[in-house]
Amino acid sequence: MAAKIVRLRVDGFRCLDGLDLGFEPLTALIGANGAGKSSVLRAIQFLFGQISLDDDDSTDGEVGLDVRVEATFGDLPKSWSERLSPWLDASGNLVVARERTGGAEDGVREFWSASRLQAPGFAPV
């Protein structure tokens, strides 16, 4: 059994700026040409590290615009939940993001991030 993406949030990426998309066990992407179906798949590829982005991938081609793709993973296998427990939210989900900051002139930085409780009893910041 594998974890499932239950939510995808995208900022600064192509036509998907401000996207907040929930996923069901079966989700179909349907829309007219240019609606962003392929961009959703490309955002997921970026999140998983399968592709890097260039300046043209920013919303409206705005050079230097930060891009953030965040996925919430649910239905984690028990062994994953036990190992990843410090990173899980109150619902037992794992939230992971990949970001691209900067532009051609000042250098590009791509990195992954996740929230983690540093000590028992502390609330996430």
PDB file of N, CA and C in Angstrom:
ATOM      1  N   MET A   1       0.838  -1.171   0.000  1.00  0.00           N
ATOM      2  CA  MET A   1       0.000   0.000   0.000  1.00  0.00           C
ATOM      3  C   MET A   1       0.889   1.242   0.000  1.00  0.00           C
ATOM      4  N   ALA A   2       0.497   2.260  -0.737  1.00  0.00           N
ATOM      5  CA  ALA A   2       1.275   3.491  -0.817  1.00  0.00           C
ATOM      6  C   ALA A   2       0.432   4.663  -0.335  1.00  0.00           C
ATOM      7  N   ALA A   3       1.112   5.730   0.050  1.00  0.00           N
ATOM      8  CA  ALA A   3       0.418   6.956   0.438  1.00  0.00           C
ATOM      9  C   ALA A   3      -0.255   7.562  -0.785  1.00  0.00           C
ATOM     10  N   LYS A   4      -1.257   8.405  -0.541  1.00  0.00           N
ATOM     11  CA  LYS A   4      -1.994   9.057  -1.626  1.00  0.00           C
ATOM     12  C   LYS A   4      -1.917  10.562  -1.455  1.00  0.00           C
ATOM     13  N   ILE A   5      -1.841  11.266  -2.564  1.00  0.00           N
ATOM     14  CA  ILE A   5      -1.952  12.718  -2.512  1.00  0.00           C
ATOM     15  C   ILE A   5      -3.425  13.041  -2.281  1.00  0.00           C
ATOM     16  N   VAL A   6      -3.720  13.759  -1.198  1.00  0.00           N
ATOM     17  CA  VAL A   6      -5.102  14.134  -0.911  1.00  0.00           C
ATOM     18  C   VAL A   6      -5.355  15.618  -1.170  1.00  0.00           C
ATOM     19  N   ARG A   7      -4.284  16.394  -1.287  1.00  0.00           N
ATOM     20  CA  ARG A   7      -4.437  17.824  -1.551  1.00  0.00           C
ATOM     21  C   ARG A   7      -3.175  18.358  -2.216  1.00  0.00           C
ATOM     22  N   LEU A   8      -3.361  19.248  -3.168  1.00  0.00           N
ATOM     23  CA  LEU A   8      -2.244  19.887  -3.857  1.00  0.00           C
ATOM     24  C   LEU A   8      -2.466  21.387  -3.845  1.00  0.00           C
ATOM     25  N   ARG A   9      -1.461  22.116  -3.403  1.00  0.00           N
ATOM     26  CA  ARG A   9      -1.498  23.581  -3.420  1.00  0.00           C
ATOM     27  C   ARG A   9      -0.341  24.071  -4.278  1.00  0.00           C
ATOM     28  N   VAL A  10      -0.628  25.054  -5.122  1.00  0.00           N
ATOM     29  CA  VAL A  10       0.385  25.570  -6.037  1.00  0.00           C
ATOM     30  C   VAL A  10       0.342  27.094  -6.027  1.00  0.00           C
ATOM     31  N   ASP A  11       1.502  27.704  -5.920  1.00  0.00           N
ATOM     32  CA  ASP A  11       1.617  29.160  -6.006  1.00  0.00           C
ATOM     33  C   ASP A  11       2.756  29.520  -6.944  1.00  0.00           C
ATOM     34  N   GLY A  12       2.496  30.474  -7.833  1.00  0.00           N
ATOM     35  CA  GLY A  12       3.523  31.011  -8.709  1.00  0.00           C
ATOM     36  C   GLY A  12       3.893  30.158  -9.903  1.00  0.00           C
ATOM     37  N   PHE A  13       3.157  29.089 -10.157  1.00  0.00           N
ATOM     38  CA  PHE A  13       3.503  28.167 -11.243  1.00  0.00           C
ATOM     39  C   PHE A  13       2.506  28.266 -12.386  1.00  0.00           C
ATOM     40  N   ARG A  14       2.991  28.710 -13.525  1.00  0.00           N
ATOM     41  CA  ARG A  14       2.179  28.801 -14.741  1.00  0.00           C
ATOM     42  C   ARG A  14       0.809  29.402 -14.457  1.00  0.00           C
ATOM     43  N   CYS A  15      -0.240  28.781 -14.973  1.00  0.00           N
ATOM     44  CA  CYS A  15      -1.610  29.304 -14.780  1.00  0.00           C
ATOM     45  C   CYS A  15      -2.226  28.822 -13.473  1.00  0.00           C
ATOM     46  N   LEU A  16      -1.458  28.135 -12.635  1.00  0.00           N
ATOM     47  CA  LEU A  16      -2.006  27.516 -11.430  1.00  0.00           C
ATOM     48  C   LEU A  16      -1.815  28.355 -10.171  1.00  0.00           C
ATOM     49  N   ASP A  17      -1.415  29.606 -10.291  1.00  0.00           N
ATOM     50  CA  ASP A  17      -1.164  30.433  -9.118  1.00  0.00           C
ATOM     51  C   ASP A  17      -2.398  30.463  -8.216  1.00  0.00           C
ATOM     52  N   GLY A  18      -2.227  30.057  -6.965  1.00  0.00           N
ATOM     53  CA  GLY A  18      -3.333  30.038  -6.013  1.00  0.00           C
ATOM     54  C   GLY A  18      -4.180  28.777  -6.056  1.00  0.00           C
ATOM     55  N   LEU A  19      -3.754  27.764  -6.781  1.00  0.00           N
ATOM     56  CA  LEU A  19      -4.531  26.523  -6.879  1.00  0.00           C
ATOM     57  C   LEU A  19      -4.543  25.788  -5.544  1.00  0.00           C
ATOM     58  N   ASP A  20      -5.697  25.304  -5.148  1.00  0.00           N
ATOM     59  CA  ASP A  20      -5.870  24.458  -3.976  1.00  0.00           C
ATOM     60  C   ASP A  20      -6.822  23.343  -4.408  1.00  0.00           C
ATOM     61  N   LEU A  21      -6.264  22.170  -4.694  1.00  0.00           N
ATOM     62  CA  LEU A  21      -7.010  21.087  -5.320  1.00  0.00           C
ATOM     63  C   LEU A  21      -7.054  19.874  -4.401  1.00  0.00           C
ATOM     64  N   GLY A  22      -8.269  19.410  -4.091  1.00  0.00           N
ATOM     65  CA  GLY A  22      -8.441  18.191  -3.317  1.00  0.00           C
ATOM     66  C   GLY A  22      -8.545  16.993  -4.242  1.00  0.00           C
ATOM     67  N   PHE A  23      -8.014  15.868  -3.802  1.00  0.00           N
ATOM     68  CA  PHE A  23      -8.055  14.640  -4.591  1.00  0.00           C
ATOM     69  C   PHE A  23      -8.915  13.601  -3.891  1.00  0.00           C
ATOM     70  N   GLU A  24      -9.692  12.889  -4.653  1.00  0.00           N
ATOM     71  CA  GLU A  24     -10.480  11.754  -4.187  1.00  0.00           C
ATOM     72  C   GLU A  24      -9.729  10.487  -4.616  1.00  0.00           C
ATOM     73  N   PRO A  25     -10.203   9.292  -4.225  1.00  0.00           N
ATOM     74  CA  PRO A  25      -9.520   8.073  -4.674  1.00  0.00           C
ATOM     75  C   PRO A  25      -9.365   8.010  -6.200  1.00  0.00           C
ATOM     76  N   LEU A  26     -10.327   8.571  -6.930  1.00  0.00           N
ATOM     77  CA  LEU A  26     -10.211   8.670  -8.388  1.00  0.00           C
ATOM     78  C   LEU A  26     -10.536  10.112  -8.760  1.00  0.00           C
ATOM     79  N   THR A  27      -9.555  10.810  -9.290  1.00  0.00           N
ATOM     80  CA  THR A  27      -9.735  12.205  -9.685  1.00  0.00           C
ATOM     81  C   THR A  27      -9.366  12.339 -11.148  1.00  0.00           C
ATOM     82  N   ALA A  28     -10.259  12.923 -11.929  1.00  0.00           N
ATOM     83  CA  ALA A  28     -10.012  13.171 -13.354  1.00  0.00           C
ATOM     84  C   ALA A  28      -9.799  14.661 -13.566  1.00  0.00           C
ATOM     85  N   LEU A  29      -8.822  14.993 -14.395  1.00  0.00           N
ATOM     86  CA  LEU A  29      -8.583  16.381 -14.772  1.00  0.00           C
ATOM     87  C   LEU A  29      -9.212  16.592 -16.144  1.00  0.00           C
ATOM     88  N   ILE A  30     -10.267  17.378 -16.168  1.00  0.00           N
ATOM     89  CA  ILE A  30     -11.011  17.610 -17.408  1.00  0.00           C
ATOM     90  C   ILE A  30     -11.098  19.108 -17.629  1.00  0.00           C
ATOM     91  N   GLY A  31     -10.833  19.537 -18.860  1.00  0.00           N
ATOM     92  CA  GLY A  31     -10.948  20.961 -19.167  1.00  0.00           C
ATOM     93  C   GLY A  31     -10.541  21.234 -20.600  1.00  0.00           C
ATOM     94  N   ALA A  32     -10.789  22.444 -21.017  1.00  0.00           N
ATOM     95  CA  ALA A  32     -10.440  22.869 -22.375  1.00  0.00           C
ATOM     96  C   ALA A  32      -8.923  22.942 -22.534  1.00  0.00           C
ATOM     97  N   ASN A  33      -8.478  22.996 -23.777  1.00  0.00           N
ATOM     98  CA  ASN A  33      -7.060  23.202 -24.045  1.00  0.00           C
ATOM     99  C   ASN A  33      -6.613  24.483 -23.354  1.00  0.00           C
ATOM    100  N   GLY A  34      -5.463  24.433 -22.714  1.00  0.00           N
ATOM    101  CA  GLY A  34      -4.930  25.602 -22.043  1.00  0.00           C
ATOM    102  C   GLY A  34      -5.509  25.858 -20.656  1.00  0.00           C
ATOM    103  N   ALA A  35      -6.324  24.939 -20.142  1.00  0.00           N
ATOM    104  CA  ALA A  35      -6.948  25.132 -18.830  1.00  0.00           C
ATOM    105  C   ALA A  35      -6.001  24.822 -17.677  1.00  0.00           C
ATOM    106  N   GLY A  36      -4.931  24.062 -17.925  1.00  0.00           N
ATOM    107  CA  GLY A  36      -3.961  23.768 -16.883  1.00  0.00           C
ATOM    108  C   GLY A  36      -3.847  22.313 -16.483  1.00  0.00           C
ATOM    109  N   LYS A  37      -4.462  21.411 -17.228  1.00  0.00           N
ATOM    110  CA  LYS A  37      -4.394  19.978 -16.883  1.00  0.00           C
ATOM    111  C   LYS A  37      -2.946  19.483 -16.882  1.00  0.00           C
ATOM    112  N   SER A  38      -2.220  19.776 -17.926  1.00  0.00           N
ATOM    113  CA  SER A  38      -0.819  19.348 -18.007  1.00  0.00           C
ATOM    114  C   SER A  38       0.039  20.071 -16.977  1.00  0.00           C
ATOM    115  N   SER A  39      -0.313  21.300 -16.660  1.00  0.00           N
ATOM    116  CA  SER A  39       0.440  22.049 -15.646  1.00  0.00           C
ATOM    117  C   SER A  39       0.287  21.404 -14.271  1.00  0.00           C
ATOM    118  N   VAL A  40      -0.891  20.853 -13.954  1.00  0.00           N
ATOM    119  CA  VAL A  40      -1.066  20.139 -12.686  1.00  0.00           C
ATOM    120  C   VAL A  40      -0.110  18.954 -12.640  1.00  0.00           C
ATOM    121  N   LEU A  41      -0.035  18.193 -13.711  1.00  0.00           N
ATOM    122  CA  LEU A  41       0.871  17.036 -13.749  1.00  0.00           C
ATOM    123  C   LEU A  41       2.329  17.470 -13.680  1.00  0.00           C
ATOM    124  N   ARG A  42       2.658  18.558 -14.349  1.00  0.00           N
ATOM    125  CA  ARG A  42       4.032  19.074 -14.312  1.00  0.00           C
ATOM    126  C   ARG A  42       4.394  19.573 -12.905  1.00  0.00           C
ATOM    127  N   ALA A  43       3.441  20.173 -12.207  1.00  0.00           N
ATOM    128  CA  ALA A  43       3.679  20.609 -10.828  1.00  0.00           C
ATOM    129  C   ALA A  43       3.983  19.405  -9.938  1.00  0.00           C
ATOM    130  N   ILE A  44       3.259  18.318 -10.133  1.00  0.00           N
ATOM    131  CA  ILE A  44       3.516  17.099  -9.355  1.00  0.00           C
ATOM    132  C   ILE A  44       4.892  16.529  -9.696  1.00  0.00           C
ATOM    133  N   GLN A  45       5.266  16.566 -10.979  1.00  0.00           N
ATOM    134  CA  GLN A  45       6.607  16.114 -11.366  1.00  0.00           C
ATOM    135  C   GLN A  45       7.675  16.957 -10.681  1.00  0.00           C
ATOM    136  N   PHE A  46       7.472  18.267 -10.603  1.00  0.00           N
ATOM    137  CA  PHE A  46       8.414  19.143  -9.914  1.00  0.00           C
ATOM    138  C   PHE A  46       8.506  18.772  -8.440  1.00  0.00           C
ATOM    139  N   LEU A  47       7.363  18.556  -7.807  1.00  0.00           N
ATOM    140  CA  LEU A  47       7.346  18.190  -6.393  1.00  0.00           C
ATOM    141  C   LEU A  47       8.176  16.938  -6.128  1.00  0.00           C
ATOM    142  N   PHE A  48       8.058  15.939  -7.009  1.00  0.00           N
ATOM    143  CA  PHE A  48       8.777  14.682  -6.835  1.00  0.00           C
ATOM    144  C   PHE A  48      10.216  14.723  -7.346  1.00  0.00           C
ATOM    145  N   GLY A  49      10.667  15.879  -7.823  1.00  0.00           N
ATOM    146  CA  GLY A  49      12.046  16.021  -8.257  1.00  0.00           C
ATOM    147  C   GLY A  49      12.337  15.443  -9.625  1.00  0.00           C
ATOM    148  N   GLN A  50      11.305  15.155 -10.402  1.00  0.00           N
ATOM    149  CA  GLN A  50      11.505  14.587 -11.737  1.00  0.00           C
ATOM    150  C   GLN A  50      11.911  15.645 -12.760  1.00  0.00           C
ATOM    151  N   ILE A  51      11.574  16.910 -12.481  1.00  0.00           N
ATOM    152  CA  ILE A  51      11.940  17.994 -13.394  1.00  0.00           C
ATOM    153  C   ILE A  51      12.390  19.198 -12.581  1.00  0.00           C
ATOM    154  N   SER A  52      13.151  20.066 -13.213  1.00  0.00           N
ATOM    155  CA  SER A  52      13.478  21.376 -12.674  1.00  0.00           C
ATOM    156  C   SER A  52      12.698  22.393 -13.480  1.00  0.00           C
ATOM    157  N   LEU A  53      12.541  23.567 -12.926  1.00  0.00           N
ATOM    158  CA  LEU A  53      11.788  24.616 -13.606  1.00  0.00           C
ATOM    159  C   LEU A  53      12.731  25.667 -14.171  1.00  0.00           C
ATOM    160  N   ASP A  54      12.233  26.420 -15.122  1.00  0.00           N
ATOM    161  CA  ASP A  54      12.971  27.580 -15.605  1.00  0.00           C
ATOM    162  C   ASP A  54      12.081  28.800 -15.444  1.00  0.00           C
ATOM    163  N   ASP A  55      12.585  29.974 -15.793  1.00  0.00           N
ATOM    164  CA  ASP A  55      11.834  31.212 -15.569  1.00  0.00           C
ATOM    165  C   ASP A  55      10.499  31.227 -16.291  1.00  0.00           C
ATOM    166  N   ASP A  56      10.392  30.532 -17.423  1.00  0.00           N
ATOM    167  CA  ASP A  56       9.131  30.511 -18.172  1.00  0.00           C
ATOM    168  C   ASP A  56       8.019  29.770 -17.433  1.00  0.00           C
ATOM    169  N   ASP A  57       8.368  28.977 -16.425  1.00  0.00           N
ATOM    170  CA  ASP A  57       7.363  28.220 -15.674  1.00  0.00           C
ATOM    171  C   ASP A  57       6.676  29.063 -14.597  1.00  0.00           C
ATOM    172  N   SER A  58       7.179  30.260 -14.343  1.00  0.00           N
ATOM    173  CA  SER A  58       6.536  31.148 -13.367  1.00  0.00           C
ATOM    174  C   SER A  58       5.232  31.682 -13.944  1.00  0.00           C
ATOM    175  N   THR A  59       4.309  32.036 -13.052  1.00  0.00           N
ATOM    176  CA  THR A  59       3.045  32.615 -13.485  1.00  0.00           C
ATOM    177  C   THR A  59       3.307  33.833 -14.357  1.00  0.00           C
ATOM    178  N   ASP A  60       2.675  33.865 -15.516  1.00  0.00           N
ATOM    179  CA  ASP A  60       2.831  34.950 -16.494  1.00  0.00           C
ATOM    180  C   ASP A  60       4.275  35.147 -16.941  1.00  0.00           C
ATOM    181  N   GLY A  61       5.139  34.130 -16.758  1.00  0.00           N
ATOM    182  CA  GLY A  61       6.535  34.226 -17.165  1.00  0.00           C
ATOM    183  C   GLY A  61       7.310  35.267 -16.402  1.00  0.00           C
ATOM    184  N   GLU A  62       6.827  35.641 -15.221  1.00  0.00           N
ATOM    185  CA  GLU A  62       7.466  36.678 -14.410  1.00  0.00           C
ATOM    186  C   GLU A  62       8.788  36.150 -13.849  1.00  0.00           C
ATOM    187  N   VAL A  63       9.887  36.681 -14.343  1.00  0.00           N
ATOM    188  CA  VAL A  63      11.214  36.225 -13.935  1.00  0.00           C
ATOM    189  C   VAL A  63      11.424  36.515 -12.454  1.00  0.00           C
ATOM    190  N   GLY A  64      11.939  35.535 -11.740  1.00  0.00           N
ATOM    191  CA  GLY A  64      12.243  35.695 -10.326  1.00  0.00           C
ATOM    192  C   GLY A  64      11.073  35.437  -9.396  1.00  0.00           C
ATOM    193  N   LEU A  65       9.896  35.135  -9.938  1.00  0.00           N
ATOM    194  CA  LEU A  65       8.739  34.843  -9.089  1.00  0.00           C
ATOM    195  C   LEU A  65       8.938  33.491  -8.408  1.00  0.00           C
ATOM    196  N   ASP A  66       8.714  33.444  -7.108  1.00  0.00           N
ATOM    197  CA  ASP A  66       8.861  32.193  -6.374  1.00  0.00           C
ATOM    198  C   ASP A  66       7.748  31.224  -6.742  1.00  0.00           C
ATOM    199  N   VAL A  67       8.100  29.948  -6.820  1.00  0.00           N
ATOM    200  CA  VAL A  67       7.145  28.877  -7.109  1.00  0.00           C
ATOM    201  C   VAL A  67       7.141  27.934  -5.915  1.00  0.00           C
ATOM    202  N   ARG A  68       5.948  27.557  -5.482  1.00  0.00           N
ATOM    203  CA  ARG A  68       5.809  26.599  -4.379  1.00  0.00           C
ATOM    204  C   ARG A  68       4.736  25.586  -4.753  1.00  0.00           C
ATOM    205  N   VAL A  69       5.088  24.305  -4.638  1.00  0.00           N
ATOM    206  CA  VAL A  69       4.148  23.206  -4.862  1.00  0.00           C
ATOM    207  C   VAL A  69       4.141  22.392  -3.574  1.00  0.00           C
ATOM    208  N   GLU A  70       2.964  22.249  -2.984  1.00  0.00           N
ATOM    209  CA  GLU A  70       2.813  21.565  -1.704  1.00  0.00           C
ATOM    210  C   GLU A  70       1.782  20.454  -1.838  1.00  0.00           C
ATOM    211  N   ALA A  71       2.128  19.291  -1.351  1.00  0.00           N
ATOM    212  CA  ALA A  71       1.194  18.162  -1.390  1.00  0.00           C
ATOM    213  C   ALA A  71       0.975  17.638   0.022  1.00  0.00           C
ATOM    214  N   THR A  72      -0.259  17.262   0.281  1.00  0.00           N
ATOM    215  CA  THR A  72      -0.613  16.592   1.524  1.00  0.00           C
ATOM    216  C   THR A  72      -0.833  15.129   1.194  1.00  0.00           C
ATOM    217  N   PHE A  73      -0.095  14.261   1.863  1.00  0.00           N
ATOM    218  CA  PHE A  73      -0.193  12.824   1.644  1.00  0.00           C
ATOM    219  C   PHE A  73      -0.985  12.197   2.781  1.00  0.00           C
ATOM    220  N   GLY A  74      -1.999  11.406   2.439  1.00  0.00           N
ATOM    221  CA  GLY A  74      -2.812  10.701   3.419  1.00  0.00           C
ATOM    222  C   GLY A  74      -2.751   9.217   3.193  1.00  0.00           C
ATOM    223  N   ASP A  75      -3.462   8.485   4.007  1.00  0.00           N
ATOM    224  CA  ASP A  75      -3.489   7.015   3.936  1.00  0.00           C
ATOM    225  C   ASP A  75      -2.078   6.429   3.983  1.00  0.00           C
ATOM    226  N   LEU A  76      -1.265   6.959   4.872  1.00  0.00           N
ATOM    227  CA  LEU A  76       0.107   6.463   4.993  1.00  0.00           C
ATOM    228  C   LEU A  76       0.109   5.051   5.581  1.00  0.00           C
ATOM    229  N   PRO A  77       0.935   4.174   5.038  1.00  0.00           N
ATOM    230  CA  PRO A  77       1.069   2.848   5.656  1.00  0.00           C
ATOM    231  C   PRO A  77       1.536   2.991   7.108  1.00  0.00           C
ATOM    232  N   LYS A  78       1.146   2.072   7.953  1.00  0.00           N
ATOM    233  CA  LYS A  78       1.468   2.153   9.382  1.00  0.00           C
ATOM    234  C   LYS A  78       2.965   2.307   9.622  1.00  0.00           C
ATOM    235  N   SER A  79       3.776   1.567   8.887  1.00  0.00           N
ATOM    236  CA  SER A  79       5.228   1.656   9.095  1.00  0.00           C
ATOM    237  C   SER A  79       5.749   3.065   8.768  1.00  0.00           C
ATOM    238  N   TRP A  80       5.163   3.704   7.775  1.00  0.00           N
ATOM    239  CA  TRP A  80       5.548   5.077   7.434  1.00  0.00           C
ATOM    240  C   TRP A  80       5.116   6.029   8.537  1.00  0.00           C
ATOM    241  N   SER A  81       3.870   5.857   9.011  1.00  0.00           N
ATOM    242  CA  SER A  81       3.333   6.738  10.051  1.00  0.00           C
ATOM    243  C   SER A  81       4.187   6.691  11.308  1.00  0.00           C
ATOM    244  N   GLU A  82       4.623   5.489  11.686  1.00  0.00           N
ATOM    245  CA  GLU A  82       5.467   5.362  12.871  1.00  0.00           C
ATOM    246  C   GLU A  82       6.800   6.065  12.669  1.00  0.00           C
ATOM    247  N   ARG A  83       7.402   5.878  11.518  1.00  0.00           N
ATOM    248  CA  ARG A  83       8.716   6.465  11.261  1.00  0.00           C
ATOM    249  C   ARG A  83       8.648   7.982  11.056  1.00  0.00           C
ATOM    250  N   LEU A  84       7.569   8.450  10.449  1.00  0.00           N
ATOM    251  CA  LEU A  84       7.448   9.873  10.115  1.00  0.00           C
ATOM    252  C   LEU A  84       6.624  10.656  11.134  1.00  0.00           C
ATOM    253  N   SER A  85       6.297  10.055  12.267  1.00  0.00           N
ATOM    254  CA  SER A  85       5.373  10.689  13.217  1.00  0.00           C
ATOM    255  C   SER A  85       5.732  12.132  13.591  1.00  0.00           C
ATOM    256  N   PRO A  86       7.010  12.513  13.736  1.00  0.00           N
ATOM    257  CA  PRO A  86       7.289  13.924  14.070  1.00  0.00           C
ATOM    258  C   PRO A  86       6.867  14.905  12.976  1.00  0.00           C
ATOM    259  N   TRP A  87       6.698  14.431  11.747  1.00  0.00           N
ATOM    260  CA  TRP A  87       6.351  15.306  10.631  1.00  0.00           C
ATOM    261  C   TRP A  87       4.863  15.278  10.290  1.00  0.00           C
ATOM    262  N   LEU A  88       4.088  14.462  10.959  1.00  0.00           N
ATOM    263  CA  LEU A  88       2.677  14.329  10.619  1.00  0.00           C
ATOM    264  C   LEU A  88       1.845  15.400  11.316  1.00  0.00           C
ATOM    265  N   ASP A  89       0.805  15.863  10.612  1.00  0.00           N
ATOM    266  CA  ASP A  89      -0.101  16.841  11.223  1.00  0.00           C
ATOM    267  C   ASP A  89      -1.090  16.123  12.135  1.00  0.00           C
ATOM    268  N   ALA A  90      -2.013  16.875  12.713  1.00  0.00           N
ATOM    269  CA  ALA A  90      -2.960  16.313  13.671  1.00  0.00           C
ATOM    270  C   ALA A  90      -3.850  15.228  13.067  1.00  0.00           C
ATOM    271  N   SER A  91      -4.025  15.246  11.736  1.00  0.00           N
ATOM    272  CA  SER A  91      -4.843  14.237  11.053  1.00  0.00           C
ATOM    273  C   SER A  91      -4.039  13.026  10.612  1.00  0.00           C
ATOM    274  N   GLY A  92      -2.743  13.014  10.903  1.00  0.00           N
ATOM    275  CA  GLY A  92      -1.894  11.898  10.487  1.00  0.00           C
ATOM    276  C   GLY A  92      -1.417  12.013   9.055  1.00  0.00           C
ATOM    277  N   ASN A  93      -1.534  13.192   8.469  1.00  0.00           N
ATOM    278  CA  ASN A  93      -1.092  13.426   7.091  1.00  0.00           C
ATOM    279  C   ASN A  93       0.301  14.038   7.073  1.00  0.00           C
ATOM    280  N   LEU A  94       1.011  13.822   5.987  1.00  0.00           N
ATOM    281  CA  LEU A  94       2.329  14.385   5.771  1.00  0.00           C
ATOM    282  C   LEU A  94       2.223  15.490   4.728  1.00  0.00           C
ATOM    283  N   VAL A  95       2.710  16.676   5.054  1.00  0.00           N
ATOM    284  CA  VAL A  95       2.697  17.804   4.121  1.00  0.00           C
ATOM    285  C   VAL A  95       4.142  18.095   3.704  1.00  0.00           C
ATOM    286  N   VAL A  96       4.386  17.999   2.401  1.00  0.00           N
ATOM    287  CA  VAL A  96       5.716  18.221   1.845  1.00  0.00           C
ATOM    288  C   VAL A  96       5.613  19.266   0.742  1.00  0.00           C
ATOM    289  N   ALA A  97       6.600  20.143   0.670  1.00  0.00           N
ATOM    290  CA  ALA A  97       6.615  21.174  -0.367  1.00  0.00           C
ATOM    291  C   ALA A  97       7.965  21.208  -1.060  1.00  0.00           C
ATOM    292  N   ARG A  98       7.932  21.650  -2.308  1.00  0.00           N
ATOM    293  CA  ARG A  98       9.164  21.939  -3.039  1.00  0.00           C
ATOM    294  C   ARG A  98       9.022  23.357  -3.564  1.00  0.00           C
ATOM    295  N   GLU A  99      10.089  24.120  -3.424  1.00  0.00           N
ATOM    296  CA  GLU A  99      10.052  25.515  -3.833  1.00  0.00           C
ATOM    297  C   GLU A  99      11.212  25.847  -4.755  1.00  0.00           C
ATOM    298  N   ARG A 100      10.959  26.847  -5.587  1.00  0.00           N
ATOM    299  CA  ARG A 100      11.993  27.422  -6.444  1.00  0.00           C
ATOM    300  C   ARG A 100      11.978  28.912  -6.175  1.00  0.00           C
ATOM    301  N   THR A 101      13.115  29.449  -5.749  1.00  0.00           N
ATOM    302  CA  THR A 101      13.209  30.874  -5.475  1.00  0.00           C
ATOM    303  C   THR A 101      14.324  31.478  -6.320  1.00  0.00           C
ATOM    304  N   GLY A 102      14.233  32.765  -6.531  1.00  0.00           N
ATOM    305  CA  GLY A 102      15.253  33.467  -7.300  1.00  0.00           C
ATOM    306  C   GLY A 102      14.976  33.419  -8.780  1.00  0.00           C
ATOM    307  N   GLY A 103      15.921  33.910  -9.545  1.00  0.00           N
ATOM    308  CA  GLY A 103      15.791  33.951 -10.994  1.00  0.00           C
ATOM    309  C   GLY A 103      17.154  33.872 -11.645  1.00  0.00           C
ATOM    310  N   ALA A 104      17.177  34.035 -12.957  1.00  0.00           N
ATOM    311  CA  ALA A 104      18.409  33.875 -13.731  1.00  0.00           C
ATOM    312  C   ALA A 104      19.497  34.836 -13.267  1.00  0.00           C
ATOM    313  N   GLU A 105      19.116  36.059 -12.890  1.00  0.00           N
ATOM    314  CA  GLU A 105      20.116  37.063 -12.533  1.00  0.00           C
ATOM    315  C   GLU A 105      20.747  36.818 -11.165  1.00  0.00           C
ATOM    316  N   ASP A 106      19.941  36.430 -10.177  1.00  0.00           N
ATOM    317  CA  ASP A 106      20.471  36.273  -8.821  1.00  0.00           C
ATOM    318  C   ASP A 106      20.642  34.816  -8.404  1.00  0.00           C
ATOM    319  N   GLY A 107      20.502  33.917  -9.318  1.00  0.00           N
ATOM    320  CA  GLY A 107      20.671  32.503  -9.020  1.00  0.00           C
ATOM    321  C   GLY A 107      19.377  31.862  -8.562  1.00  0.00           C
ATOM    322  N   VAL A 108      19.221  30.610  -8.881  1.00  0.00           N
ATOM    323  CA  VAL A 108      18.002  29.863  -8.565  1.00  0.00           C
ATOM    324  C   VAL A 108      18.304  28.878  -7.451  1.00  0.00           C
ATOM    325  N   ARG A 109      17.368  28.745  -6.548  1.00  0.00           N
ATOM    326  CA  ARG A 109      17.494  27.786  -5.455  1.00  0.00           C
ATOM    327  C   ARG A 109      16.230  26.936  -5.435  1.00  0.00           C
ATOM    328  N   GLU A 110      16.379  25.619  -5.478  1.00  0.00           N
ATOM    329  CA  GLU A 110      15.256  24.694  -5.375  1.00  0.00           C
ATOM    330  C   GLU A 110      15.477  23.839  -4.137  1.00  0.00           C
ATOM    331  N   PHE A 111      14.409  23.681  -3.335  1.00  0.00           N
ATOM    332  CA  PHE A 111      14.540  22.909  -2.107  1.00  0.00           C
ATOM    333  C   PHE A 111      13.201  22.326  -1.696  1.00  0.00           C
ATOM    334  N   TRP A 112      13.267  21.279  -0.849  1.00  0.00           N
ATOM    335  CA  TRP A 112      12.081  20.646  -0.277  1.00  0.00           C
ATOM    336  C   TRP A 112      11.959  21.099   1.175  1.00  0.00           C
ATOM    337  N   SER A 113      10.724  21.061   1.687  1.00  0.00           N
ATOM    338  CA  SER A 113      10.516  21.388   3.098  1.00  0.00           C
ATOM    339  C   SER A 113       9.312  20.618   3.631  1.00  0.00           C
ATOM    340  N   ALA A 114       9.294  20.475   4.956  1.00  0.00           N
ATOM    341  CA  ALA A 114       8.171  19.860   5.659  1.00  0.00           C
ATOM    342  C   ALA A 114       8.182  20.409   7.076  1.00  0.00           C
ATOM    343  N   SER A 115       7.033  20.418   7.726  1.00  0.00           N
ATOM    344  CA  SER A 115       6.956  20.875   9.109  1.00  0.00           C
ATOM    345  C   SER A 115       7.297  19.726  10.037  1.00  0.00           C
ATOM    346  N   ARG A 116       7.898  20.080  11.165  1.00  0.00           N
ATOM    347  CA  ARG A 116       8.223  19.050  12.141  1.00  0.00           C
ATOM    348  C   ARG A 116       8.072  19.625  13.536  1.00  0.00           C
ATOM    349  N   LEU A 117       7.453  18.851  14.423  1.00  0.00           N
ATOM    350  CA  LEU A 117       7.398  19.225  15.821  1.00  0.00           C
ATOM    351  C   LEU A 117       8.761  18.960  16.432  1.00  0.00           C
ATOM    352  N   GLN A 118       9.355  19.969  17.051  1.00  0.00           N
ATOM    353  CA  GLN A 118      10.710  19.815  17.579  1.00  0.00           C
ATOM    354  C   GLN A 118      10.751  19.118  18.935  1.00  0.00           C
ATOM    355  N   ALA A 119       9.690  19.296  19.698  1.00  0.00           N
ATOM    356  CA  ALA A 119       9.658  18.658  21.017  1.00  0.00           C
ATOM    357  C   ALA A 119       8.184  18.385  21.359  1.00  0.00           C
ATOM    358  N   PRO A 120       7.914  17.307  22.086  1.00  0.00           N
ATOM    359  CA  PRO A 120       6.532  17.020  22.456  1.00  0.00           C
ATOM    360  C   PRO A 120       5.916  18.206  23.203  1.00  0.00           C
ATOM    361  N   GLY A 121       4.667  18.502  22.897  1.00  0.00           N
ATOM    362  CA  GLY A 121       3.969  19.576  23.575  1.00  0.00           C
ATOM    363  C   GLY A 121       4.069  20.919  22.895  1.00  0.00           C
ATOM    364  N   PHE A 122       4.977  21.075  21.936  1.00  0.00           N
ATOM    365  CA  PHE A 122       5.084  22.322  21.197  1.00  0.00           C
ATOM    366  C   PHE A 122       4.136  22.311  20.017  1.00  0.00           C
ATOM    367  N   ALA A 123       3.544  23.422  19.728  1.00  0.00           N
ATOM    368  CA  ALA A 123       2.646  23.536  18.573  1.00  0.00           C
ATOM    369  C   ALA A 123       3.461  23.881  17.352  1.00  0.00           C
ATOM    370  N   PRO A 124       2.997  23.462  16.178  1.00  0.00           N
ATOM    371  CA  PRO A 124       3.716  23.843  14.960  1.00  0.00           C
ATOM    372  C   PRO A 124       3.712  25.353  14.800  1.00  0.00           C
ATOM    373  N   VAL A 125       4.790  25.891  14.264  1.00  0.00           N
ATOM    374  CA  VAL A 125       4.906  27.342  14.055  1.00  0.00           C
ATOM    375  C   VAL A 125       4.631  27.661  12.625  1.00  0.00           C
TER     376      VAL A 125
END
